[in-house]
């Protein structure tokens, strides 16, 4: 019974990590789209208004780097069998 419970927990962890990875990928796609929109806005904005856009692009880049790190961690957990 203990082994069955362990296997069930592993299965649940795999499902959770898989769902988390899908969510992270969806977030990355949205950030990519947002970044493209910001770059387009940057091209059409006057030089005086570019500072806030450049800062927003930098923040988006930092967020994307954090998401990438988390996605790599979750993918590693999946490879390890759900963290068990």
N, C-alpha and C. Protein backbone atom coordinates (compact mmCIF):
# COMPACT_ATOMS: atom_id res chain seq x y z
N UNK A 1 0.83 -1.20 0.00
CA UNK A 1 0.00 0.00 0.00
C UNK A 1 0.88 1.26 0.00
N UNK A 2 1.96 1.21 0.77
CA UNK A 2 2.85 2.37 0.82
C UNK A 2 3.42 2.67 -0.57
N UNK A 3 3.81 1.62 -1.30
CA UNK A 3 4.37 1.80 -2.65
C UNK A 3 3.32 2.36 -3.60
N UNK A 4 2.10 1.91 -3.48
CA UNK A 4 1.01 2.42 -4.33
C UNK A 4 0.81 3.91 -4.07
N UNK A 5 0.83 4.30 -2.82
CA UNK A 5 0.68 5.71 -2.46
C UNK A 5 1.84 6.52 -3.03
N UNK A 6 3.05 5.98 -2.93
CA UNK A 6 4.22 6.67 -3.48
C UNK A 6 4.08 6.86 -4.99
N UNK A 7 3.63 5.81 -5.68
CA UNK A 7 3.46 5.89 -7.13
C UNK A 7 2.37 6.90 -7.50
N UNK A 8 1.31 6.92 -6.72
CA UNK A 8 0.25 7.91 -6.96
C UNK A 8 0.77 9.33 -6.77
N UNK A 9 1.57 9.52 -5.73
CA UNK A 9 2.15 10.85 -5.48
C UNK A 9 3.08 11.27 -6.61
N UNK A 10 3.87 10.33 -7.11
CA UNK A 10 4.75 10.62 -8.23
C UNK A 10 3.93 11.02 -9.45
N UNK A 11 2.86 10.28 -9.71
CA UNK A 11 1.99 10.61 -10.84
C UNK A 11 1.36 11.98 -10.71
N UNK A 12 0.91 12.31 -9.51
CA UNK A 12 0.32 13.63 -9.27
C UNK A 12 1.38 14.71 -9.46
N UNK A 13 2.57 14.49 -8.93
CA UNK A 13 3.65 15.47 -9.09
C UNK A 13 4.00 15.67 -10.56
N UNK A 14 4.04 14.58 -11.33
CA UNK A 14 4.33 14.70 -12.76
C UNK A 14 3.26 15.53 -13.46
N UNK A 15 2.00 15.29 -13.11
CA UNK A 15 0.91 16.06 -13.72
C UNK A 15 1.01 17.53 -13.34
N UNK A 16 1.32 17.81 -12.08
CA UNK A 16 1.44 19.19 -11.64
C UNK A 16 2.60 19.90 -12.33
N UNK A 17 3.74 19.22 -12.43
CA UNK A 17 4.90 19.82 -13.08
C UNK A 17 4.63 20.02 -14.57
N UNK A 18 3.95 19.07 -15.19
CA UNK A 18 3.62 19.21 -16.60
C UNK A 18 2.69 20.40 -16.82
N UNK A 19 1.69 20.55 -15.97
CA UNK A 19 0.78 21.69 -16.07
C UNK A 19 1.52 23.00 -15.82
N UNK A 20 2.42 22.98 -14.85
CA UNK A 20 3.20 24.19 -14.54
C UNK A 20 4.07 24.57 -15.74
N UNK A 21 4.68 23.58 -16.38
CA UNK A 21 5.53 23.85 -17.53
C UNK A 21 4.70 24.43 -18.69
N UNK A 22 3.51 23.89 -18.91
CA UNK A 22 2.63 24.43 -19.95
C UNK A 22 2.25 25.87 -19.65
N UNK A 23 1.96 26.16 -18.40
CA UNK A 23 1.62 27.53 -18.01
C UNK A 23 2.81 28.47 -18.22
N UNK A 24 3.99 28.03 -17.83
CA UNK A 24 5.19 28.86 -18.03
C UNK A 24 5.44 29.13 -19.51
N UNK A 25 5.22 28.11 -20.34
CA UNK A 25 5.40 28.30 -21.78
C UNK A 25 4.39 29.30 -22.33
N UNK A 26 3.15 29.20 -21.88
CA UNK A 26 2.12 30.15 -22.32
C UNK A 26 2.48 31.57 -21.89
N UNK A 27 3.00 31.69 -20.68
CA UNK A 27 3.41 33.01 -20.19
C UNK A 27 4.56 33.55 -21.04
N UNK A 28 5.50 32.68 -21.41
CA UNK A 28 6.62 33.12 -22.24
C UNK A 28 6.13 33.60 -23.61
N UNK A 29 5.17 32.89 -24.18
CA UNK A 29 4.63 33.31 -25.47
C UNK A 29 3.96 34.67 -25.37
N UNK A 30 3.22 34.89 -24.28
CA UNK A 30 2.57 36.18 -24.09
C UNK A 30 3.61 37.29 -23.90
N UNK A 31 4.65 36.99 -23.15
CA UNK A 31 5.71 37.99 -22.95
C UNK A 31 6.41 38.30 -24.27
N UNK A 32 6.62 37.28 -25.11
CA UNK A 32 7.22 37.53 -26.42
C UNK A 32 6.34 38.48 -27.23
N UNK A 33 5.04 38.24 -27.22
CA UNK A 33 4.11 39.11 -27.95
C UNK A 33 4.14 40.53 -27.38
N UNK A 34 4.14 40.63 -26.06
CA UNK A 34 4.20 41.94 -25.41
C UNK A 34 5.49 42.68 -25.75
N UNK A 35 6.59 41.94 -25.79
CA UNK A 35 7.88 42.54 -26.11
C UNK A 35 7.88 43.09 -27.54
N UNK A 36 7.32 42.31 -28.46
CA UNK A 36 7.24 42.78 -29.84
C UNK A 36 6.41 44.06 -29.94
N UNK A 37 5.32 44.10 -29.19
CA UNK A 37 4.47 45.29 -29.17
C UNK A 37 5.22 46.50 -28.60
N UNK A 38 5.99 46.26 -27.53
CA UNK A 38 6.78 47.34 -26.94
C UNK A 38 7.83 47.86 -27.92
N UNK A 39 8.50 46.94 -28.63
CA UNK A 39 9.50 47.36 -29.60
C UNK A 39 8.86 48.16 -30.73
N UNK A 40 7.68 47.73 -31.16
CA UNK A 40 6.97 48.49 -32.20
C UNK A 40 6.62 49.89 -31.69
N UNK A 41 6.14 49.96 -30.46
CA UNK A 41 5.82 51.26 -29.87
C UNK A 41 7.06 52.13 -29.75
N UNK A 42 8.17 51.50 -29.43
CA UNK A 42 9.43 52.24 -29.29
C UNK A 42 9.82 52.91 -30.62
N UNK A 43 9.57 52.20 -31.72
CA UNK A 43 9.91 52.74 -33.04
C UNK A 43 9.05 53.95 -33.40
N UNK A 44 7.83 53.97 -32.89
CA UNK A 44 6.90 55.03 -33.28
C UNK A 44 6.78 56.14 -32.23
N UNK A 45 7.53 56.03 -31.15
CA UNK A 45 7.47 57.02 -30.07
C UNK A 45 8.57 58.06 -30.25
N UNK A 46 8.26 59.27 -29.86
CA UNK A 46 9.26 60.34 -29.94
C UNK A 46 10.42 60.02 -28.99
N UNK A 47 11.60 60.54 -29.29
CA UNK A 47 12.76 60.28 -28.42
C UNK A 47 12.51 60.63 -26.95
N UNK A 48 11.74 61.66 -26.70
CA UNK A 48 11.48 62.06 -25.31
C UNK A 48 10.65 61.02 -24.56
N UNK A 49 9.83 60.26 -25.26
CA UNK A 49 8.97 59.28 -24.60
C UNK A 49 9.53 57.88 -24.57
N UNK A 50 10.74 57.70 -25.04
CA UNK A 50 11.31 56.35 -25.14
C UNK A 50 11.81 55.79 -23.81
N UNK A 51 12.17 56.66 -22.89
CA UNK A 51 12.72 56.19 -21.61
C UNK A 51 11.81 55.19 -20.90
N UNK A 52 10.54 55.53 -20.68
CA UNK A 52 9.65 54.58 -20.00
C UNK A 52 9.47 53.27 -20.78
N UNK A 53 9.43 53.36 -22.11
CA UNK A 53 9.30 52.14 -22.91
C UNK A 53 10.55 51.28 -22.79
N UNK A 54 11.71 51.90 -22.81
CA UNK A 54 12.95 51.14 -22.65
C UNK A 54 13.01 50.47 -21.29
N UNK A 55 12.52 51.16 -20.27
CA UNK A 55 12.48 50.55 -18.93
C UNK A 55 11.51 49.38 -18.90
N UNK A 56 10.37 49.53 -19.56
CA UNK A 56 9.39 48.44 -19.61
C UNK A 56 9.97 47.24 -20.34
N UNK A 57 10.68 47.48 -21.43
CA UNK A 57 11.31 46.39 -22.17
C UNK A 57 12.34 45.68 -21.29
N UNK A 58 13.09 46.45 -20.52
CA UNK A 58 14.08 45.85 -19.62
C UNK A 58 13.40 44.99 -18.56
N UNK A 59 12.30 45.48 -17.98
CA UNK A 59 11.58 44.70 -16.97
C UNK A 59 10.99 43.42 -17.57
N UNK A 60 10.46 43.53 -18.78
CA UNK A 60 9.91 42.36 -19.45
C UNK A 60 11.02 41.34 -19.70
N UNK A 61 12.19 41.82 -20.10
CA UNK A 61 13.32 40.92 -20.31
C UNK A 61 13.73 40.20 -19.04
N UNK A 62 13.72 40.91 -17.92
CA UNK A 62 14.05 40.29 -16.63
C UNK A 62 13.01 39.24 -16.26
N UNK A 63 11.74 39.57 -16.49
CA UNK A 63 10.67 38.62 -16.19
C UNK A 63 10.82 37.38 -17.05
N UNK A 64 11.14 37.57 -18.31
CA UNK A 64 11.30 36.43 -19.20
C UNK A 64 12.48 35.56 -18.76
N UNK A 65 13.54 36.17 -18.32
CA UNK A 65 14.69 35.39 -17.83
C UNK A 65 14.30 34.57 -16.61
N UNK A 66 13.51 35.15 -15.72
CA UNK A 66 13.04 34.42 -14.53
C UNK A 66 12.14 33.25 -14.94
N UNK A 67 11.25 33.48 -15.90
CA UNK A 67 10.38 32.41 -16.38
C UNK A 67 11.20 31.29 -17.02
N UNK A 68 12.21 31.66 -17.78
CA UNK A 68 13.06 30.65 -18.41
C UNK A 68 13.77 29.81 -17.36
N UNK A 69 14.28 30.45 -16.33
CA UNK A 69 14.94 29.72 -15.24
C UNK A 69 13.96 28.76 -14.57
N UNK A 70 12.75 29.24 -14.30
CA UNK A 70 11.74 28.39 -13.67
C UNK A 70 11.34 27.25 -14.59
N UNK A 71 11.19 27.52 -15.87
CA UNK A 71 10.84 26.46 -16.83
C UNK A 71 11.92 25.39 -16.88
N UNK A 72 13.17 25.80 -16.84
CA UNK A 72 14.26 24.83 -16.83
C UNK A 72 14.23 23.99 -15.56
N UNK A 73 13.92 24.62 -14.43
CA UNK A 73 13.82 23.90 -13.16
C UNK A 73 12.69 22.87 -13.22
N UNK A 74 11.54 23.28 -13.73
CA UNK A 74 10.40 22.37 -13.81
C UNK A 74 10.70 21.23 -14.78
N UNK A 75 11.32 21.54 -15.92
CA UNK A 75 11.68 20.49 -16.87
C UNK A 75 12.64 19.50 -16.23
N UNK A 76 13.57 19.99 -15.45
CA UNK A 76 14.50 19.11 -14.74
C UNK A 76 13.75 18.22 -13.75
N UNK A 77 12.78 18.81 -13.05
CA UNK A 77 11.98 18.02 -12.10
C UNK A 77 11.22 16.91 -12.84
N UNK A 78 10.69 17.23 -14.02
CA UNK A 78 9.99 16.22 -14.80
C UNK A 78 10.94 15.10 -15.21
N UNK A 79 12.15 15.45 -15.61
CA UNK A 79 13.14 14.45 -15.99
C UNK A 79 13.53 13.57 -14.82
N UNK A 80 13.46 14.13 -13.62
CA UNK A 80 13.83 13.38 -12.42
C UNK A 80 12.67 12.55 -11.88
N UNK A 81 11.55 12.57 -12.57
CA UNK A 81 10.42 11.75 -12.13
C UNK A 81 9.48 12.48 -11.20
N UNK A 82 9.29 13.75 -11.39
CA UNK A 82 8.31 14.48 -10.60
C UNK A 82 8.82 14.97 -9.27
N UNK A 83 10.09 14.95 -9.07
CA UNK A 83 10.63 15.48 -7.83
C UNK A 83 10.63 14.48 -6.69
N UNK A 84 10.36 13.25 -7.00
CA UNK A 84 10.34 12.23 -5.95
C UNK A 84 11.68 11.52 -5.90
